PDB file of all heavy atoms in Angstrom:
ATOM      1  N   SER A   1      25.135 -39.581  -4.403  1.00  0.00           N
ATOM      2  CA  SER A   1      24.084 -40.595  -4.071  1.00  0.00           C
ATOM      3  C   SER A   1      24.073 -40.912  -2.545  1.00  0.00           C
ATOM      4  O   SER A   1      23.991 -42.040  -2.126  1.00  0.00           O
ATOM      5  CB  SER A   1      24.217 -41.848  -4.914  1.00  0.00           C
ATOM      6  OG  SER A   1      24.134 -41.627  -6.279  1.00  0.00           O
ATOM      7  N   LEU A   2      24.106 -39.877  -1.807  1.00  0.00           N
ATOM      8  CA  LEU A   2      24.210 -40.016  -0.361  1.00  0.00           C
ATOM      9  C   LEU A   2      22.927 -40.729   0.183  1.00  0.00           C
ATOM     10  O   LEU A   2      21.811 -40.423  -0.337  1.00  0.00           O
ATOM     11  CB  LEU A   2      24.402 -38.671   0.384  1.00  0.00           C
ATOM     12  CG  LEU A   2      25.789 -38.120   0.245  1.00  0.00           C
ATOM     13  CD1 LEU A   2      25.910 -36.646   0.603  1.00  0.00           C
ATOM     14  CD2 LEU A   2      26.736 -38.936   1.222  1.00  0.00           C
ATOM     15  N   GLN A   3      23.076 -41.488   1.170  1.00  0.00           N
ATOM     16  CA  GLN A   3      22.016 -42.194   1.836  1.00  0.00           C
ATOM     17  C   GLN A   3      21.999 -41.836   3.279  1.00  0.00           C
ATOM     18  O   GLN A   3      22.961 -41.482   3.851  1.00  0.00           O
ATOM     19  CB  GLN A   3      22.203 -43.689   1.641  1.00  0.00           C
ATOM     20  CG  GLN A   3      22.319 -44.212   0.229  1.00  0.00           C
ATOM     21  CD  GLN A   3      22.861 -45.621   0.086  1.00  0.00           C
ATOM     22  OE1 GLN A   3      22.731 -46.414   1.069  1.00  0.00           O
ATOM     23  NE2 GLN A   3      23.361 -45.982  -1.001  1.00  0.00           N
ATOM     24  N   PRO A   4      20.790 -42.107   3.947  1.00  0.00           N
ATOM     25  CA  PRO A   4      20.748 -41.789   5.387  1.00  0.00           C
ATOM     26  C   PRO A   4      21.772 -42.552   6.190  1.00  0.00           C
ATOM     27  O   PRO A   4      22.254 -42.063   7.227  1.00  0.00           O
ATOM     28  CB  PRO A   4      19.328 -42.241   5.729  1.00  0.00           C
ATOM     29  CG  PRO A   4      18.540 -42.049   4.495  1.00  0.00           C
ATOM     30  CD  PRO A   4      19.501 -42.343   3.375  1.00  0.00           C
ATOM     31  N   GLU A   5      22.168 -43.787   5.697  1.00  0.00           N
ATOM     32  CA  GLU A   5      23.171 -44.527   6.400  1.00  0.00           C
ATOM     33  C   GLU A   5      24.559 -43.886   6.360  1.00  0.00           C
ATOM     34  O   GLU A   5      25.429 -44.289   7.082  1.00  0.00           O
ATOM     35  CB  GLU A   5      23.280 -45.904   5.749  1.00  0.00           C
ATOM     36  CG  GLU A   5      21.945 -46.719   5.829  1.00  0.00           C
ATOM     37  CD  GLU A   5      21.010 -46.339   4.682  1.00  0.00           C
ATOM     38  OE1 GLU A   5      21.404 -46.554   3.483  1.00  0.00           O
ATOM     39  OE2 GLU A   5      19.936 -45.763   4.969  1.00  0.00           O
ATOM     40  N   ASP A   6      24.735 -42.874   5.494  1.00  0.00           N
ATOM     41  CA  ASP A   6      26.017 -42.180   5.440  1.00  0.00           C
ATOM     42  C   ASP A   6      26.145 -41.095   6.491  1.00  0.00           C
ATOM     43  O   ASP A   6      27.202 -40.466   6.621  1.00  0.00           O
ATOM     44  CB  ASP A   6      26.226 -41.551   4.014  1.00  0.00           C
ATOM     45  CG  ASP A   6      26.292 -42.565   2.942  1.00  0.00           C
ATOM     46  OD1 ASP A   6      26.952 -43.600   3.136  1.00  0.00           O
ATOM     47  OD2 ASP A   6      25.662 -42.374   1.899  1.00  0.00           O
ATOM     48  N   THR A   7      25.073 -40.859   7.210  1.00  0.00           N
ATOM     49  CA  THR A   7      25.110 -39.854   8.262  1.00  0.00           C
ATOM     50  C   THR A   7      26.186 -40.200   9.285  1.00  0.00           C
ATOM     51  O   THR A   7      26.122 -41.275   9.832  1.00  0.00           O
ATOM     52  CB  THR A   7      23.751 -39.712   8.924  1.00  0.00           C
ATOM     53  OG1 THR A   7      22.767 -39.243   7.935  1.00  0.00           O
ATOM     54  CG2 THR A   7      23.733 -38.742  10.106  1.00  0.00           C
ATOM     55  N   ALA A   8      27.066 -39.288   9.563  1.00  0.00           N
ATOM     56  CA  ALA A   8      28.189 -39.519  10.501  1.00  0.00           C
ATOM     57  C   ALA A   8      29.044 -38.330  10.640  1.00  0.00           C
ATOM     58  O   ALA A   8      28.977 -37.390   9.832  1.00  0.00           O
ATOM     59  CB  ALA A   8      29.004 -40.727  10.072  1.00  0.00           C
ATOM     60  N   MET A   9      29.937 -38.333  11.605  1.00  0.00           N
ATOM     61  CA  MET A   9      31.033 -37.389  11.672  1.00  0.00           C
ATOM     62  C   MET A   9      32.181 -37.950  10.748  1.00  0.00           C
ATOM     63  O   MET A   9      32.533 -39.076  10.932  1.00  0.00           O
ATOM     64  CB  MET A   9      31.472 -37.161  13.086  1.00  0.00           C
ATOM     65  CG  MET A   9      32.549 -36.151  13.228  1.00  0.00           C
ATOM     66  SD  MET A   9      31.892 -34.439  13.020  1.00  0.00           S
ATOM     67  CE  MET A   9      31.016 -34.255  14.592  1.00  0.00           C
ATOM     68  N   TYR A  10      32.610 -37.153   9.867  1.00  0.00           N
ATOM     69  CA  TYR A  10      33.654 -37.577   8.946  1.00  0.00           C
ATOM     70  C   TYR A  10      35.004 -37.004   9.332  1.00  0.00           C
ATOM     71  O   TYR A  10      35.084 -35.791   9.576  1.00  0.00           O
ATOM     72  CB  TYR A  10      33.319 -37.267   7.520  1.00  0.00           C
ATOM     73  CG  TYR A  10      32.306 -38.115   6.916  1.00  0.00           C
ATOM     74  CD1 TYR A  10      30.976 -38.095   7.353  1.00  0.00           C
ATOM     75  CD2 TYR A  10      32.691 -39.080   5.895  1.00  0.00           C
ATOM     76  CE1 TYR A  10      30.080 -38.870   6.736  1.00  0.00           C
ATOM     77  CE2 TYR A  10      31.730 -39.932   5.348  1.00  0.00           C
ATOM     78  CZ  TYR A  10      30.413 -39.837   5.782  1.00  0.00           C
ATOM     79  OH  TYR A  10      29.477 -40.704   5.196  1.00  0.00           O
ATOM     80  N   TYR A  11      35.998 -37.837   9.443  1.00  0.00           N
ATOM     81  CA  TYR A  11      37.362 -37.416   9.883  1.00  0.00           C
ATOM     82  C   TYR A  11      38.355 -37.712   8.820  1.00  0.00           C
ATOM     83  O   TYR A  11      38.362 -38.716   8.153  1.00  0.00           O
ATOM     84  CB  TYR A  11      37.722 -38.247  11.146  1.00  0.00           C
ATOM     85  CG  TYR A  11      36.861 -38.024  12.353  1.00  0.00           C
ATOM     86  CD1 TYR A  11      35.764 -38.863  12.554  1.00  0.00           C
ATOM     87  CD2 TYR A  11      37.132 -37.015  13.248  1.00  0.00           C
ATOM     88  CE1 TYR A  11      34.981 -38.680  13.653  1.00  0.00           C
ATOM     89  CE2 TYR A  11      36.289 -36.831  14.341  1.00  0.00           C
ATOM     90  CZ  TYR A  11      35.274 -37.680  14.560  1.00  0.00           C
ATOM     91  OH  TYR A  11      34.475 -37.482  15.624  1.00  0.00           O
ATOM     92  N   CYS A  12      39.333 -36.771   8.667  1.00  0.00           N
ATOM     93  CA  CYS A  12      40.483 -36.915   7.897  1.00  0.00           C
ATOM     94  C   CYS A  12      41.602 -37.457   8.733  1.00  0.00           C
ATOM     95  O   CYS A  12      41.776 -37.053   9.878  1.00  0.00           O
ATOM     96  CB  CYS A  12      40.824 -35.601   7.175  1.00  0.00           C
ATOM     97  SG  CYS A  12      42.269 -35.610   6.183  1.00  0.00           S
ATOM     98  N   ALA A  13      42.451 -38.340   8.218  1.00  0.00           N
ATOM     99  CA  ALA A  13      43.566 -38.909   8.963  1.00  0.00           C
ATOM    100  C   ALA A  13      44.743 -39.060   8.080  1.00  0.00           C
ATOM    101  O   ALA A  13      44.663 -39.246   6.855  1.00  0.00           O
ATOM    102  CB  ALA A  13      43.152 -40.201   9.630  1.00  0.00           C
ATOM    103  N   ALA A  14      45.983 -39.137   8.747  1.00  0.00           N
ATOM    104  CA  ALA A  14      47.200 -39.316   7.967  1.00  0.00           C
ATOM    105  C   ALA A  14      48.095 -40.201   8.692  1.00  0.00           C
ATOM    106  O   ALA A  14      48.118 -40.295   9.937  1.00  0.00           O
ATOM    107  CB  ALA A  14      47.828 -37.975   7.682  1.00  0.00           C
ATOM    108  N   LYS A  15      48.970 -40.904   7.954  1.00  0.00           N
ATOM    109  CA  LYS A  15      49.965 -41.760   8.564  1.00  0.00           C
ATOM    110  C   LYS A  15      51.073 -42.051   7.589  1.00  0.00           C
ATOM    111  O   LYS A  15      50.917 -41.864   6.415  1.00  0.00           O
ATOM    112  CB  LYS A  15      49.396 -43.059   9.104  1.00  0.00           C
ATOM    113  CG  LYS A  15      49.109 -44.051   7.995  1.00  0.00           C
ATOM    114  CD  LYS A  15      48.521 -45.337   8.588  1.00  0.00           C
ATOM    115  CE  LYS A  15      48.360 -46.494   7.607  1.00  0.00           C
ATOM    116  NZ  LYS A  15      49.654 -47.094   7.319  1.00  0.00           N
ATOM    117  N   GLY A  16      52.200 -42.569   8.102  1.00  0.00           N
ATOM    118  CA  GLY A  16      53.219 -43.061   7.270  1.00  0.00           C
ATOM    119  C   GLY A  16      53.035 -44.528   6.987  1.00  0.00           C
ATOM    120  O   GLY A  16      52.095 -45.195   7.506  1.00  0.00           O
ATOM    121  N   GLY A  17      53.864 -45.131   6.080  1.00  0.00           N
ATOM    122  CA  GLY A  17      53.770 -46.463   5.761  1.00  0.00           C
ATOM    123  C   GLY A  17      52.657 -46.792   4.756  1.00  0.00           C
ATOM    124  O   GLY A  17      52.069 -45.908   4.140  1.00  0.00           O
ATOM    125  N   MET A  18      52.338 -48.097   4.627  1.00  0.00           N
ATOM    126  CA  MET A  18      51.322 -48.510   3.684  1.00  0.00           C
ATOM    127  C   MET A  18      49.933 -48.104   4.101  1.00  0.00           C
ATOM    128  O   MET A  18      49.640 -47.993   5.308  1.00  0.00           O
ATOM    129  CB  MET A  18      51.344 -50.046   3.507  1.00  0.00           C
ATOM    130  CG  MET A  18      52.742 -50.558   2.936  1.00  0.00           C
ATOM    131  SD  MET A  18      52.713 -52.355   2.659  1.00  0.00           S
ATOM    132  CE  MET A  18      51.350 -52.469   1.402  1.00  0.00           C
ATOM    133  N   CYS A  19      49.088 -47.846   3.154  1.00  0.00           N
ATOM    134  CA  CYS A  19      47.727 -47.420   3.440  1.00  0.00           C
ATOM    135  C   CYS A  19      46.840 -48.615   3.911  1.00  0.00           C
ATOM    136  O   CYS A  19      46.963 -49.758   3.423  1.00  0.00           O
ATOM    137  CB  CYS A  19      47.123 -46.826   2.188  1.00  0.00           C
ATOM    138  SG  CYS A  19      47.680 -45.181   1.796  1.00  0.00           S
ATOM    139  N   ASP A  20      45.922 -48.314   4.771  1.00  0.00           N
ATOM    140  CA  ASP A  20      44.921 -49.264   5.240  1.00  0.00           C
ATOM    141  C   ASP A  20      43.752 -48.433   5.811  1.00  0.00           C
ATOM    142  O   ASP A  20      43.859 -47.209   5.781  1.00  0.00           O
ATOM    143  CB  ASP A  20      45.471 -50.258   6.184  1.00  0.00           C
ATOM    144  CG  ASP A  20      46.036 -49.614   7.487  1.00  0.00           C
ATOM    145  OD1 ASP A  20      45.444 -48.681   7.984  1.00  0.00           O
ATOM    146  OD2 ASP A  20      47.093 -50.099   7.889  1.00  0.00           O
ATOM    147  N   LEU A  21      42.728 -49.028   6.228  1.00  0.00           N
ATOM    148  CA  LEU A  21      41.622 -48.367   6.852  1.00  0.00           C
ATOM    149  C   LEU A  21      41.418 -48.788   8.311  1.00  0.00           C
ATOM    150  O   LEU A  21      40.283 -48.907   8.759  1.00  0.00           O
ATOM    151  CB  LEU A  21      40.304 -48.642   6.005  1.00  0.00           C
ATOM    152  CG  LEU A  21      40.335 -47.938   4.661  1.00  0.00           C
ATOM    153  CD1 LEU A  21      39.071 -48.263   3.893  1.00  0.00           C
ATOM    154  CD2 LEU A  21      40.415 -46.421   4.824  1.00  0.00           C
ATOM    155  N   ALA A  22      42.522 -49.022   8.969  1.00  0.00           N
ATOM    156  CA  ALA A  22      42.483 -49.349  10.410  1.00  0.00           C
ATOM    157  C   ALA A  22      42.664 -48.116  11.205  1.00  0.00           C
ATOM    158  O   ALA A  22      43.776 -47.550  11.167  1.00  0.00           O
ATOM    159  CB  ALA A  22      43.532 -50.399  10.724  1.00  0.00           C
ATOM    160  N   PRO A  23      41.654 -47.638  11.914  1.00  0.00           N
ATOM    161  CA  PRO A  23      41.794 -46.338  12.604  1.00  0.00           C
ATOM    162  C   PRO A  23      42.976 -46.289  13.607  1.00  0.00           C
ATOM    163  O   PRO A  23      43.624 -45.211  13.673  1.00  0.00           O
ATOM    164  CB  PRO A  23      40.483 -46.260  13.400  1.00  0.00           C
ATOM    165  CG  PRO A  23      39.557 -47.061  12.618  1.00  0.00           C
ATOM    166  CD  PRO A  23      40.377 -48.179  12.043  1.00  0.00           C
ATOM    167  N   ASP A  24      43.266 -47.340  14.268  1.00  0.00           N
ATOM    168  CA  ASP A  24      44.406 -47.316  15.227  1.00  0.00           C
ATOM    169  C   ASP A  24      45.747 -47.128  14.617  1.00  0.00           C
ATOM    170  O   ASP A  24      46.716 -46.844  15.300  1.00  0.00           O
ATOM    171  CB  ASP A  24      44.312 -48.610  16.049  1.00  0.00           C
ATOM    172  CG  ASP A  24      43.153 -48.780  16.947  1.00  0.00           C
ATOM    173  OD1 ASP A  24      42.484 -47.666  17.161  1.00  0.00           O
ATOM    174  OD2 ASP A  24      42.888 -49.823  17.493  1.00  0.00           O
ATOM    175  N   ASP A  25      45.853 -47.322  13.308  1.00  0.00           N
ATOM    176  CA  ASP A  25      47.158 -47.182  12.610  1.00  0.00           C
ATOM    177  C   ASP A  25      47.439 -45.737  12.237  1.00  0.00           C
ATOM    178  O   ASP A  25      48.516 -45.431  11.871  1.00  0.00           O
ATOM    179  CB  ASP A  25      47.140 -48.041  11.355  1.00  0.00           C
ATOM    180  CG  ASP A  25      47.237 -49.550  11.623  1.00  0.00           C
ATOM    181  OD1 ASP A  25      47.497 -49.933  12.743  1.00  0.00           O
ATOM    182  OD2 ASP A  25      46.954 -50.277  10.713  1.00  0.00           O
ATOM    183  N   PHE A  26      46.503 -44.866  12.406  1.00  0.00           N
ATOM    184  CA  PHE A  26      46.709 -43.491  11.992  1.00  0.00           C
ATOM    185  C   PHE A  26      47.057 -42.589  13.171  1.00  0.00           C
ATOM    186  O   PHE A  26      46.444 -42.666  14.238  1.00  0.00           O
ATOM    187  CB  PHE A  26      45.423 -42.889  11.289  1.00  0.00           C
ATOM    188  CG  PHE A  26      45.233 -43.465   9.900  1.00  0.00           C
ATOM    189  CD1 PHE A  26      44.733 -44.687   9.749  1.00  0.00           C
ATOM    190  CD2 PHE A  26      45.552 -42.672   8.848  1.00  0.00           C
ATOM    191  CE1 PHE A  26      44.569 -45.234   8.418  1.00  0.00           C
ATOM    192  CE2 PHE A  26      45.402 -43.117   7.522  1.00  0.00           C
ATOM    193  CZ  PHE A  26      44.947 -44.448   7.275  1.00  0.00           C
ATOM    194  N   SER A  27      48.029 -41.781  12.995  1.00  0.00           N
ATOM    195  CA  SER A  27      48.621 -40.959  14.081  1.00  0.00           C
ATOM    196  C   SER A  27      48.095 -39.539  14.086  1.00  0.00           C
ATOM    197  O   SER A  27      48.055 -38.877  15.159  1.00  0.00           O
ATOM    198  CB  SER A  27      50.135 -40.936  13.957  1.00  0.00           C
ATOM    199  OG  SER A  27      50.550 -40.446  12.747  1.00  0.00           O
ATOM    200  N   ASP A  28      47.657 -38.999  12.931  1.00  0.00           N
ATOM    201  CA  ASP A  28      47.201 -37.599  12.858  1.00  0.00           C
ATOM    202  C   ASP A  28      45.764 -37.596  12.362  1.00  0.00           C
ATOM    203  O   ASP A  28      45.384 -38.201  11.406  1.00  0.00           O
ATOM    204  CB  ASP A  28      48.068 -36.867  11.851  1.00  0.00           C
ATOM    205  CG  ASP A  28      49.556 -36.855  12.196  1.00  0.00           C
ATOM    206  OD1 ASP A  28      49.811 -36.438  13.378  1.00  0.00           O
ATOM    207  OD2 ASP A  28      50.384 -37.150  11.403  1.00  0.00           O
ATOM    208  N   TRP A  29      44.956 -36.778  13.081  1.00  0.00           N
ATOM    209  CA  TRP A  29      43.482 -36.732  12.820  1.00  0.00           C
ATOM    210  C   TRP A  29      43.052 -35.281  12.871  1.00  0.00           C
ATOM    211  O   TRP A  29      43.555 -34.451  13.600  1.00  0.00           O
ATOM    212  CB  TRP A  29      42.789 -37.490  13.975  1.00  0.00           C
ATOM    213  CG  TRP A  29      42.968 -38.935  13.961  1.00  0.00           C
ATOM    214  CD1 TRP A  29      43.956 -39.648  14.489  1.00  0.00           C
ATOM    215  CD2 TRP A  29      42.147 -39.889  13.273  1.00  0.00           C
ATOM    216  NE1 TRP A  29      43.802 -40.982  14.229  1.00  0.00           N
ATOM    217  CE2 TRP A  29      42.672 -41.168  13.475  1.00  0.00           C
ATOM    218  CE3 TRP A  29      40.920 -39.790  12.598  1.00  0.00           C
ATOM    219  CZ2 TRP A  29      42.083 -42.334  13.025  1.00  0.00           C
ATOM    220  CZ3 TRP A  29      40.359 -40.975  12.085  1.00  0.00           C
ATOM    221  CH2 TRP A  29      40.920 -42.196  12.292  1.00  0.00           C
ATOM    222  N   GLY A  30      42.077 -34.985  12.021  1.00  0.00           N
ATOM    223  CA  GLY A  30      41.319 -33.768  12.100  1.00  0.00           C
ATOM    224  C   GLY A  30      40.245 -33.826  13.169  1.00  0.00           C
ATOM    225  O   GLY A  30      40.083 -34.977  13.777  1.00  0.00           O
TER     226      GLY A  30
END
């Protein structure tokens, strides 16, 4: 059910520790 508002560059990221959605907490990026 994709919407125009979903238009973006999508990135995969990885980190240790507890999960969150704070970009600055992730060390590895595609």
